[in-house]
């Protein structure tokens, strides 16, 4: 999955699907797609919190 912060959740999901297709040379099946989208949203939300609330990431 790309490590650059996408501007939106939709962009993060698109990037994750595109990266999968490039790496595996096929489109993900339904289970792979669900996992990819879930992981992309979790990662995006984590990065968004870190970017908008830097004090929260300092523990």
Protein backbone atom coordinates (compact mmCIF):
# COMPACT_ATOMS: atom_id res chain seq x y z
CA UNK A 1 0.00 0.00 0.00
CA UNK A 2 1.32 3.47 -0.76
CA UNK A 3 2.72 5.38 2.21
CA UNK A 4 1.84 8.86 0.98
CA UNK A 5 -1.16 10.44 2.59
CA UNK A 6 -4.04 10.60 0.13
CA UNK A 7 -6.26 13.70 0.34
CA UNK A 8 -9.47 11.67 0.74
CA UNK A 9 -10.59 8.20 1.81
CA UNK A 10 -11.77 7.56 -1.73
CA UNK A 11 -8.34 8.42 -3.11
CA UNK A 12 -6.68 6.15 -0.53
CA UNK A 13 -8.98 3.28 -1.56
CA UNK A 14 -8.30 3.90 -5.25
CA UNK A 15 -4.55 3.97 -4.61
CA UNK A 16 -4.71 0.71 -2.64
CA UNK A 17 -6.62 -1.07 -5.41
CA UNK A 18 -4.28 0.29 -8.07
CA UNK A 19 -1.19 -0.79 -6.09
CA UNK A 20 -2.64 -4.28 -5.66
CA UNK A 21 -3.28 -4.62 -9.39
CA UNK A 22 0.25 -3.47 -10.24
CA UNK A 23 1.83 -5.81 -7.70
CA UNK A 24 -0.28 -8.91 -8.42
CA UNK A 25 -1.09 -8.33 -12.12
CA UNK A 26 -4.82 -8.93 -11.59
CA UNK A 27 -7.80 -7.20 -10.02
CA UNK A 28 -8.56 -8.24 -6.45
CA UNK A 29 -11.40 -10.67 -5.85
CA UNK A 30 -14.23 -9.68 -3.49
CA UNK A 31 -12.45 -10.83 -0.31
CA UNK A 32 -9.16 -9.20 -1.28
CA UNK A 33 -10.96 -5.99 -2.20
CA UNK A 34 -12.82 -5.88 1.13
CA UNK A 35 -9.56 -6.36 3.05
CA UNK A 36 -7.72 -3.78 0.95
CA UNK A 37 -10.45 -1.18 1.38
CA UNK A 38 -10.71 -1.80 5.12
CA UNK A 39 -6.94 -1.51 5.55
CA UNK A 40 -6.77 1.59 3.36
CA UNK A 41 -9.51 3.34 5.35
CA UNK A 42 -7.88 2.42 8.69
CA UNK A 43 -4.49 3.67 7.51
CA UNK A 44 -5.95 6.86 6.03
CA UNK A 45 -7.87 7.64 9.22
CA UNK A 46 -4.76 7.02 11.34
CA UNK A 47 -2.70 9.31 9.10
CA UNK A 48 -5.44 11.94 9.07
CA UNK A 49 -5.55 12.03 12.88
CA UNK A 50 -1.76 12.25 13.03
CA UNK A 51 -1.72 15.08 10.48
CA UNK A 52 -4.52 17.10 12.04
CA UNK A 53 -3.75 16.37 15.71
CA UNK A 54 0.03 16.06 16.02
CA UNK A 55 -0.16 16.28 19.82
CA UNK A 56 -2.23 13.06 19.89
CA UNK A 57 0.57 11.07 18.29
CA UNK A 58 3.10 12.13 20.94
CA UNK A 59 2.79 9.66 23.79
